[in-house]
Amino acid sequence: MPTLEDAIALAAEAHLGQTDKAGAPYILHLLRVMQAQQSTEARMAAVMHDLVEDTDYTFEDLEEMGYPSEVIEALRHVTKRDGESYADFAKRAGRHRVARQVKTADLEDNMDVTRLDSVGAEDAERLDKYLRAYRQLTGRKETS
């Protein structure tokens, strides 16, 4: 059965050359989300949370590699489906305990604008979308 180190290596290889909105290596985002988790399964899901969505890997590939079913199930919940609205995606992620933890940490990291040189209108729209999903996942209401 693959270890956490195997999951980290797979994510690093699969996302090689990808960068985040600030131009940093994408693996750093995945590692920050992973570090916010407590269990090994949640850490594995966190470091691989964009694997199926943003690379050529499939859930079936991960099953064949022997990743735990709980990790794959969490990944199924944190992978946005084609044609799925972001609100429906966030709602679905919230239905699975590990997926909810991973998606919450993902959103927290994505909403950290301190890594950006500036925040434009497109960034503000994306942040608003993330904040709505974050509130949905955490049960936090808007404050006036």
N, C-alpha and C. Protein backbone atom coordinates (compact mmCIF):
# COMPACT_ATOMS: atom_id res chain seq x y z
N MET A 1 0.85 -1.18 0.00
CA MET A 1 0.00 0.00 0.00
C MET A 1 0.90 1.25 0.00
N PRO A 2 0.58 2.23 -0.85
CA PRO A 2 1.38 3.44 -0.91
C PRO A 2 1.38 4.20 0.42
N THR A 3 2.49 4.85 0.69
CA THR A 3 2.66 5.64 1.91
C THR A 3 2.37 7.12 1.63
N LEU A 4 2.37 7.91 2.69
CA LEU A 4 2.24 9.36 2.53
C LEU A 4 3.37 9.90 1.66
N GLU A 5 4.56 9.39 1.87
CA GLU A 5 5.70 9.83 1.05
C GLU A 5 5.48 9.50 -0.43
N ASP A 6 4.86 8.35 -0.71
CA ASP A 6 4.53 8.00 -2.10
C ASP A 6 3.54 9.00 -2.68
N ALA A 7 2.55 9.38 -1.89
CA ALA A 7 1.54 10.35 -2.35
C ALA A 7 2.19 11.70 -2.64
N ILE A 8 3.10 12.12 -1.77
CA ILE A 8 3.81 13.39 -1.98
C ILE A 8 4.63 13.32 -3.27
N ALA A 9 5.35 12.22 -3.46
CA ALA A 9 6.18 12.06 -4.66
C ALA A 9 5.31 12.04 -5.92
N LEU A 10 4.18 11.35 -5.86
CA LEU A 10 3.27 11.30 -7.01
C LEU A 10 2.75 12.69 -7.34
N ALA A 11 2.33 13.43 -6.33
CA ALA A 11 1.82 14.79 -6.55
C ALA A 11 2.91 15.69 -7.12
N ALA A 12 4.11 15.58 -6.58
CA ALA A 12 5.22 16.42 -7.06
C ALA A 12 5.53 16.13 -8.53
N GLU A 13 5.54 14.85 -8.89
CA GLU A 13 5.82 14.46 -10.28
C GLU A 13 4.67 14.89 -11.20
N ALA A 14 3.45 14.67 -10.76
CA ALA A 14 2.29 14.95 -11.61
C ALA A 14 2.09 16.45 -11.84
N HIS A 15 2.43 17.27 -10.85
CA HIS A 15 2.22 18.72 -10.95
C HIS A 15 3.50 19.47 -11.33
N LEU A 16 4.54 18.73 -11.72
CA LEU A 16 5.81 19.34 -12.09
C LEU A 16 5.60 20.39 -13.18
N GLY A 17 6.12 21.58 -12.95
CA GLY A 17 5.99 22.65 -13.94
C GLY A 17 4.75 23.51 -13.76
N GLN A 18 3.79 23.07 -12.96
CA GLN A 18 2.59 23.86 -12.71
C GLN A 18 2.89 24.91 -11.65
N THR A 19 2.26 26.08 -11.78
CA THR A 19 2.44 27.15 -10.80
C THR A 19 1.09 27.64 -10.31
N ASP A 20 1.11 28.29 -9.14
CA ASP A 20 -0.13 28.85 -8.60
C ASP A 20 -0.32 30.27 -9.13
N LYS A 21 -1.34 30.97 -8.65
CA LYS A 21 -1.66 32.31 -9.15
C LYS A 21 -0.52 33.30 -8.90
N ALA A 22 0.32 33.02 -7.90
CA ALA A 22 1.45 33.90 -7.58
C ALA A 22 2.72 33.51 -8.34
N GLY A 23 2.65 32.42 -9.11
CA GLY A 23 3.80 31.97 -9.87
C GLY A 23 4.71 31.01 -9.13
N ALA A 24 4.31 30.59 -7.92
CA ALA A 24 5.10 29.64 -7.13
C ALA A 24 4.81 28.21 -7.59
N PRO A 25 5.75 27.29 -7.38
CA PRO A 25 5.49 25.89 -7.73
C PRO A 25 4.20 25.39 -7.06
N TYR A 26 3.34 24.76 -7.84
CA TYR A 26 2.02 24.35 -7.34
C TYR A 26 2.11 23.36 -6.18
N ILE A 27 3.17 22.56 -6.14
CA ILE A 27 3.31 21.57 -5.07
C ILE A 27 3.31 22.25 -3.71
N LEU A 28 3.76 23.50 -3.62
CA LEU A 28 3.78 24.19 -2.33
C LEU A 28 2.36 24.38 -1.78
N HIS A 29 1.41 24.67 -2.66
CA HIS A 29 0.00 24.77 -2.24
C HIS A 29 -0.46 23.43 -1.69
N LEU A 30 -0.17 22.37 -2.41
CA LEU A 30 -0.60 21.03 -1.99
C LEU A 30 0.00 20.65 -0.65
N LEU A 31 1.25 21.02 -0.43
CA LEU A 31 1.91 20.71 0.84
C LEU A 31 1.32 21.52 1.99
N ARG A 32 0.95 22.77 1.74
CA ARG A 32 0.32 23.59 2.79
C ARG A 32 -1.03 22.99 3.18
N VAL A 33 -1.81 22.57 2.19
CA VAL A 33 -3.11 21.95 2.48
C VAL A 33 -2.89 20.65 3.24
N MET A 34 -1.89 19.89 2.86
CA MET A 34 -1.57 18.64 3.54
C MET A 34 -1.20 18.89 5.00
N GLN A 35 -0.40 19.91 5.25
CA GLN A 35 0.06 20.18 6.61
C GLN A 35 -1.07 20.59 7.55
N ALA A 36 -2.18 21.01 7.01
CA ALA A 36 -3.33 21.40 7.84
C ALA A 36 -4.13 20.19 8.31
N GLN A 37 -3.78 19.00 7.83
CA GLN A 37 -4.53 17.78 8.15
C GLN A 37 -3.88 17.04 9.31
N GLN A 38 -4.68 16.19 9.97
CA GLN A 38 -4.20 15.44 11.12
C GLN A 38 -3.89 13.97 10.79
N SER A 39 -4.80 13.30 10.12
CA SER A 39 -4.62 11.86 9.86
C SER A 39 -3.80 11.63 8.60
N THR A 40 -3.21 10.46 8.51
CA THR A 40 -2.44 10.10 7.32
C THR A 40 -3.33 10.08 6.09
N GLU A 41 -4.54 9.53 6.22
CA GLU A 41 -5.46 9.47 5.07
C GLU A 41 -5.81 10.87 4.59
N ALA A 42 -6.09 11.77 5.52
CA ALA A 42 -6.43 13.15 5.14
C ALA A 42 -5.23 13.84 4.50
N ARG A 43 -4.04 13.57 5.01
CA ARG A 43 -2.84 14.17 4.41
C ARG A 43 -2.62 13.65 2.99
N MET A 44 -2.85 12.36 2.79
CA MET A 44 -2.71 11.79 1.44
C MET A 44 -3.73 12.43 0.50
N ALA A 45 -4.97 12.53 0.95
CA ALA A 45 -6.01 13.14 0.12
C ALA A 45 -5.67 14.60 -0.16
N ALA A 46 -5.15 15.29 0.83
CA ALA A 46 -4.83 16.72 0.66
C ALA A 46 -3.74 16.94 -0.38
N VAL A 47 -2.66 16.18 -0.29
CA VAL A 47 -1.55 16.40 -1.22
C VAL A 47 -1.92 15.97 -2.64
N MET A 48 -2.93 15.11 -2.76
CA MET A 48 -3.36 14.65 -4.09
C MET A 48 -4.70 15.26 -4.51
N HIS A 49 -5.18 16.30 -3.80
CA HIS A 49 -6.56 16.75 -4.03
C HIS A 49 -6.82 17.32 -5.42
N ASP A 50 -5.81 17.74 -6.14
CA ASP A 50 -6.01 18.24 -7.51
C ASP A 50 -5.48 17.29 -8.58
N LEU A 51 -5.08 16.11 -8.17
CA LEU A 51 -4.44 15.16 -9.08
C LEU A 51 -5.34 14.77 -10.25
N VAL A 52 -6.56 14.35 -9.97
CA VAL A 52 -7.46 13.89 -11.03
C VAL A 52 -7.98 15.07 -11.85
N GLU A 53 -8.23 16.19 -11.16
CA GLU A 53 -8.79 17.35 -11.85
C GLU A 53 -7.77 18.04 -12.76
N ASP A 54 -6.50 18.07 -12.36
CA ASP A 54 -5.51 18.88 -13.07
C ASP A 54 -4.39 18.11 -13.76
N THR A 55 -4.44 16.78 -13.72
CA THR A 55 -3.42 15.97 -14.40
C THR A 55 -4.11 14.84 -15.16
N ASP A 56 -3.33 13.96 -15.73
CA ASP A 56 -3.89 12.85 -16.50
C ASP A 56 -4.24 11.64 -15.64
N TYR A 57 -3.98 11.70 -14.34
CA TYR A 57 -4.29 10.57 -13.46
C TYR A 57 -5.80 10.43 -13.27
N THR A 58 -6.25 9.19 -13.10
CA THR A 58 -7.66 8.90 -12.86
C THR A 58 -7.81 8.22 -11.50
N PHE A 59 -9.05 8.15 -11.03
CA PHE A 59 -9.33 7.42 -9.79
C PHE A 59 -8.94 5.96 -9.95
N GLU A 60 -9.17 5.42 -11.14
CA GLU A 60 -8.83 4.03 -11.41
C GLU A 60 -7.32 3.80 -11.30
N ASP A 61 -6.54 4.77 -11.78
CA ASP A 61 -5.08 4.67 -11.65
C ASP A 61 -4.69 4.57 -10.17
N LEU A 62 -5.30 5.40 -9.36
CA LEU A 62 -4.98 5.41 -7.93
C LEU A 62 -5.40 4.11 -7.26
N GLU A 63 -6.55 3.57 -7.69
CA GLU A 63 -6.99 2.27 -7.16
C GLU A 63 -5.98 1.18 -7.53
N GLU A 64 -5.54 1.19 -8.80
CA GLU A 64 -4.56 0.19 -9.25
C GLU A 64 -3.23 0.32 -8.51
N MET A 65 -2.87 1.54 -8.11
CA MET A 65 -1.64 1.76 -7.35
C MET A 65 -1.78 1.31 -5.89
N GLY A 66 -3.02 1.04 -5.48
CA GLY A 66 -3.24 0.54 -4.13
C GLY A 66 -3.52 1.58 -3.07
N TYR A 67 -3.88 2.81 -3.48
CA TYR A 67 -4.20 3.83 -2.48
C TYR A 67 -5.45 3.41 -1.71
N PRO A 68 -5.51 3.75 -0.41
CA PRO A 68 -6.65 3.34 0.42
C PRO A 68 -7.98 3.86 -0.12
N SER A 69 -9.02 3.05 0.02
CA SER A 69 -10.34 3.43 -0.49
C SER A 69 -10.84 4.72 0.15
N GLU A 70 -10.53 4.96 1.43
CA GLU A 70 -10.98 6.20 2.07
C GLU A 70 -10.34 7.42 1.41
N VAL A 71 -9.08 7.29 1.01
CA VAL A 71 -8.40 8.39 0.34
C VAL A 71 -9.05 8.64 -1.02
N ILE A 72 -9.29 7.59 -1.77
CA ILE A 72 -9.90 7.73 -3.09
C ILE A 72 -11.31 8.28 -2.98
N GLU A 73 -12.06 7.84 -1.99
CA GLU A 73 -13.42 8.36 -1.79
C GLU A 73 -13.37 9.85 -1.47
N ALA A 74 -12.44 10.27 -0.64
CA ALA A 74 -12.28 11.70 -0.35
C ALA A 74 -11.93 12.47 -1.62
N LEU A 75 -11.04 11.91 -2.43
CA LEU A 75 -10.66 12.56 -3.68
C LEU A 75 -11.85 12.69 -4.63
N ARG A 76 -12.71 11.69 -4.65
CA ARG A 76 -13.91 11.78 -5.49
C ARG A 76 -14.79 12.95 -5.06
N HIS A 77 -14.80 13.25 -3.76
CA HIS A 77 -15.61 14.36 -3.25
C HIS A 77 -14.95 15.72 -3.42
N VAL A 78 -13.63 15.78 -3.55
CA VAL A 78 -12.96 17.08 -3.72
C VAL A 78 -12.54 17.33 -5.16
N THR A 79 -12.98 16.50 -6.07
CA THR A 79 -12.69 16.69 -7.49
C THR A 79 -13.95 17.22 -8.17
N LYS A 80 -13.85 18.44 -8.73
CA LYS A 80 -14.99 19.05 -9.40
C LYS A 80 -15.26 18.30 -10.70
N ARG A 81 -16.52 18.00 -10.91
CA ARG A 81 -16.94 17.28 -12.11
C ARG A 81 -17.21 18.24 -13.26
N ASP A 82 -17.03 17.77 -14.48
CA ASP A 82 -17.35 18.59 -15.66
C ASP A 82 -18.81 19.01 -15.59
N GLY A 83 -19.06 20.30 -15.82
CA GLY A 83 -20.42 20.81 -15.84
C GLY A 83 -21.02 21.08 -14.47
N GLU A 84 -20.32 20.76 -13.42
CA GLU A 84 -20.83 20.95 -12.06
C GLU A 84 -20.58 22.39 -11.61
N SER A 85 -21.60 23.02 -11.03
CA SER A 85 -21.40 24.37 -10.52
C SER A 85 -20.48 24.31 -9.30
N TYR A 86 -19.82 25.42 -9.02
CA TYR A 86 -18.91 25.44 -7.88
C TYR A 86 -19.67 25.26 -6.57
N ALA A 87 -20.88 25.83 -6.49
CA ALA A 87 -21.70 25.69 -5.28
C ALA A 87 -22.08 24.23 -5.05
N ASP A 88 -22.48 23.53 -6.11
CA ASP A 88 -22.83 22.11 -5.98
C ASP A 88 -21.61 21.27 -5.62
N PHE A 89 -20.48 21.62 -6.21
CA PHE A 89 -19.22 20.94 -5.89
C PHE A 89 -18.88 21.10 -4.41
N ALA A 90 -18.97 22.31 -3.89
CA ALA A 90 -18.66 22.56 -2.48
C ALA A 90 -19.62 21.81 -1.57
N LYS A 91 -20.88 21.78 -1.97
CA LYS A 91 -21.88 21.05 -1.18
C LYS A 91 -21.53 19.56 -1.13
N ARG A 92 -21.13 19.01 -2.26
CA ARG A 92 -20.76 17.59 -2.33
C ARG A 92 -19.51 17.32 -1.51
N ALA A 93 -18.53 18.21 -1.58
CA ALA A 93 -17.31 18.04 -0.78
C ALA A 93 -17.64 18.03 0.71
N GLY A 94 -18.63 18.81 1.09
CA GLY A 94 -19.01 18.90 2.50
C GLY A 94 -19.68 17.67 3.05
N ARG A 95 -20.08 16.75 2.20
CA ARG A 95 -20.79 15.54 2.64
C ARG A 95 -19.85 14.43 3.11
N HIS A 96 -18.57 14.60 2.92
CA HIS A 96 -17.59 13.58 3.30
C HIS A 96 -16.62 14.22 4.30
N ARG A 97 -16.43 13.60 5.45
CA ARG A 97 -15.65 14.20 6.53
C ARG A 97 -14.25 14.61 6.08
N VAL A 98 -13.49 13.71 5.49
CA VAL A 98 -12.12 14.03 5.08
C VAL A 98 -12.14 15.06 3.95
N ALA A 99 -13.03 14.89 3.00
CA ALA A 99 -13.12 15.84 1.88
C ALA A 99 -13.43 17.24 2.39
N ARG A 100 -14.32 17.34 3.36
CA ARG A 100 -14.67 18.65 3.93
C ARG A 100 -13.44 19.30 4.58
N GLN A 101 -12.67 18.51 5.32
CA GLN A 101 -11.45 19.03 5.95
C GLN A 101 -10.45 19.50 4.90
N VAL A 102 -10.25 18.69 3.87
CA VAL A 102 -9.30 19.03 2.82
C VAL A 102 -9.76 20.26 2.05
N LYS A 103 -11.03 20.30 1.67
CA LYS A 103 -11.53 21.43 0.88
C LYS A 103 -11.49 22.71 1.70
N THR A 104 -11.78 22.63 2.99
CA THR A 104 -11.71 23.81 3.84
C THR A 104 -10.29 24.36 3.88
N ALA A 105 -9.31 23.48 4.06
CA ALA A 105 -7.90 23.90 4.07
C ALA A 105 -7.48 24.44 2.70
N ASP A 106 -7.97 23.82 1.64
CA ASP A 106 -7.69 24.27 0.27
C ASP A 106 -8.19 25.70 0.09
N LEU A 107 -9.42 25.94 0.51
CA LEU A 107 -10.00 27.28 0.37
C LEU A 107 -9.25 28.29 1.23
N GLU A 108 -8.90 27.91 2.44
CA GLU A 108 -8.14 28.83 3.31
C GLU A 108 -6.84 29.24 2.63
N ASP A 109 -6.15 28.27 2.04
CA ASP A 109 -4.90 28.59 1.35
C ASP A 109 -5.15 29.43 0.10
N ASN A 110 -6.19 29.10 -0.64
CA ASN A 110 -6.51 29.85 -1.86
C ASN A 110 -6.93 31.29 -1.56
N MET A 111 -7.49 31.52 -0.38
CA MET A 111 -7.94 32.87 -0.03
C MET A 111 -6.83 33.72 0.58
N ASP A 112 -5.64 33.18 0.75
CA ASP A 112 -4.52 33.94 1.29
C ASP A 112 -3.92 34.81 0.19
N VAL A 113 -4.35 36.06 0.14
CA VAL A 113 -3.92 36.96 -0.93
C VAL A 113 -2.55 37.58 -0.64
N THR A 114 -1.97 37.30 0.50
CA THR A 114 -0.67 37.89 0.83
C THR A 114 0.43 37.42 -0.11
N ARG A 115 0.21 36.32 -0.80
CA ARG A 115 1.22 35.82 -1.74
C ARG A 115 1.14 36.52 -3.10
N LEU A 116 0.06 37.26 -3.34
CA LEU A 116 -0.12 37.95 -4.62
C LEU A 116 0.51 39.34 -4.58
N ASP A 117 1.02 39.79 -5.72
CA ASP A 117 1.57 41.15 -5.81
C ASP A 117 0.47 42.19 -5.72
N SER A 118 -0.68 41.88 -6.30
CA SER A 118 -1.83 42.78 -6.27
C SER A 118 -3.09 41.94 -6.43
N VAL A 119 -4.22 42.54 -6.08
CA VAL A 119 -5.51 41.85 -6.19
C VAL A 119 -6.38 42.65 -7.15
N GLY A 120 -6.67 42.05 -8.30
CA GLY A 120 -7.51 42.70 -9.29
C GLY A 120 -8.95 42.23 -9.22
N ALA A 121 -9.75 42.69 -10.15
CA ALA A 121 -11.18 42.35 -10.17
C ALA A 121 -11.39 40.84 -10.32
N GLU A 122 -10.60 40.20 -11.17
CA GLU A 122 -10.73 38.75 -11.37
C GLU A 122 -10.40 38.00 -10.08
N ASP A 123 -9.37 38.47 -9.38
CA ASP A 123 -9.00 37.85 -8.09
C ASP A 123 -10.13 38.03 -7.08
N ALA A 124 -10.72 39.22 -7.05
CA ALA A 124 -11.81 39.51 -6.10
C ALA A 124 -13.01 38.60 -6.37
N GLU A 125 -13.33 38.39 -7.64
CA GLU A 125 -14.45 37.49 -7.98
C GLU A 125 -14.16 36.06 -7.53
N ARG A 126 -12.94 35.60 -7.76
CA ARG A 126 -12.55 34.26 -7.35
C ARG A 126 -12.59 34.14 -5.82
N LEU A 127 -12.11 35.15 -5.12
CA LEU A 127 -12.13 35.15 -3.66
C LEU A 127 -13.55 35.11 -3.13
N ASP A 128 -14.45 35.84 -3.77
CA ASP A 128 -15.85 35.83 -3.35
C ASP A 128 -16.45 34.43 -3.50
N LYS A 129 -16.14 33.77 -4.61
CA LYS A 129 -16.61 32.39 -4.84
C LYS A 129 -16.05 31.46 -3.77
N TYR A 130 -14.78 31.60 -3.48
CA TYR A 130 -14.15 30.76 -2.45
C TYR A 130 -14.75 31.03 -1.07
N LEU A 131 -14.99 32.30 -0.77
CA LEU A 131 -15.54 32.64 0.54
C LEU A 131 -16.95 32.07 0.73
N ARG A 132 -17.76 32.12 -0.32
CA ARG A 132 -19.11 31.52 -0.23
C ARG A 132 -19.00 30.02 0.03
N ALA A 133 -18.11 29.35 -0.68
CA ALA A 133 -17.92 27.90 -0.48
C ALA A 133 -17.39 27.63 0.92
N TYR A 134 -16.46 28.44 1.39
CA TYR A 134 -15.89 28.27 2.74
C TYR A 134 -16.97 28.39 3.80
N ARG A 135 -17.81 29.39 3.66
CA ARG A 135 -18.91 29.57 4.62
C ARG A 135 -19.87 28.39 4.58
N GLN A 136 -20.12 27.88 3.40
CA GLN A 136 -21.00 26.72 3.25
C GLN A 136 -20.39 25.51 3.97
N LEU A 137 -19.10 25.29 3.80
CA LEU A 137 -18.43 24.13 4.40
C LEU A 137 -18.28 24.24 5.92
N THR A 138 -18.08 25.46 6.40
CA THR A 138 -17.81 25.65 7.83
C THR A 138 -19.05 26.05 8.62
N GLY A 139 -20.13 26.40 7.92
CA GLY A 139 -21.34 26.84 8.61
C GLY A 139 -21.26 28.27 9.11
N ARG A 140 -20.23 28.99 8.70
CA ARG A 140 -20.09 30.39 9.13
C ARG A 140 -20.97 31.27 8.26
N LYS A 141 -21.64 32.19 8.89
CA LYS A 141 -22.54 33.11 8.19
C LYS A 141 -21.81 34.40 7.86
N GLU A 142 -22.39 35.13 6.91
CA GLU A 142 -21.85 36.44 6.57
C GLU A 142 -22.03 37.37 7.75
N THR A 143 -21.06 38.27 7.93
CA THR A 143 -21.19 39.29 8.97
C THR A 143 -21.35 40.64 8.29
N SER A 144 -22.07 41.53 8.93
CA SER A 144 -22.30 42.84 8.32
C SER A 144 -21.23 43.82 8.73
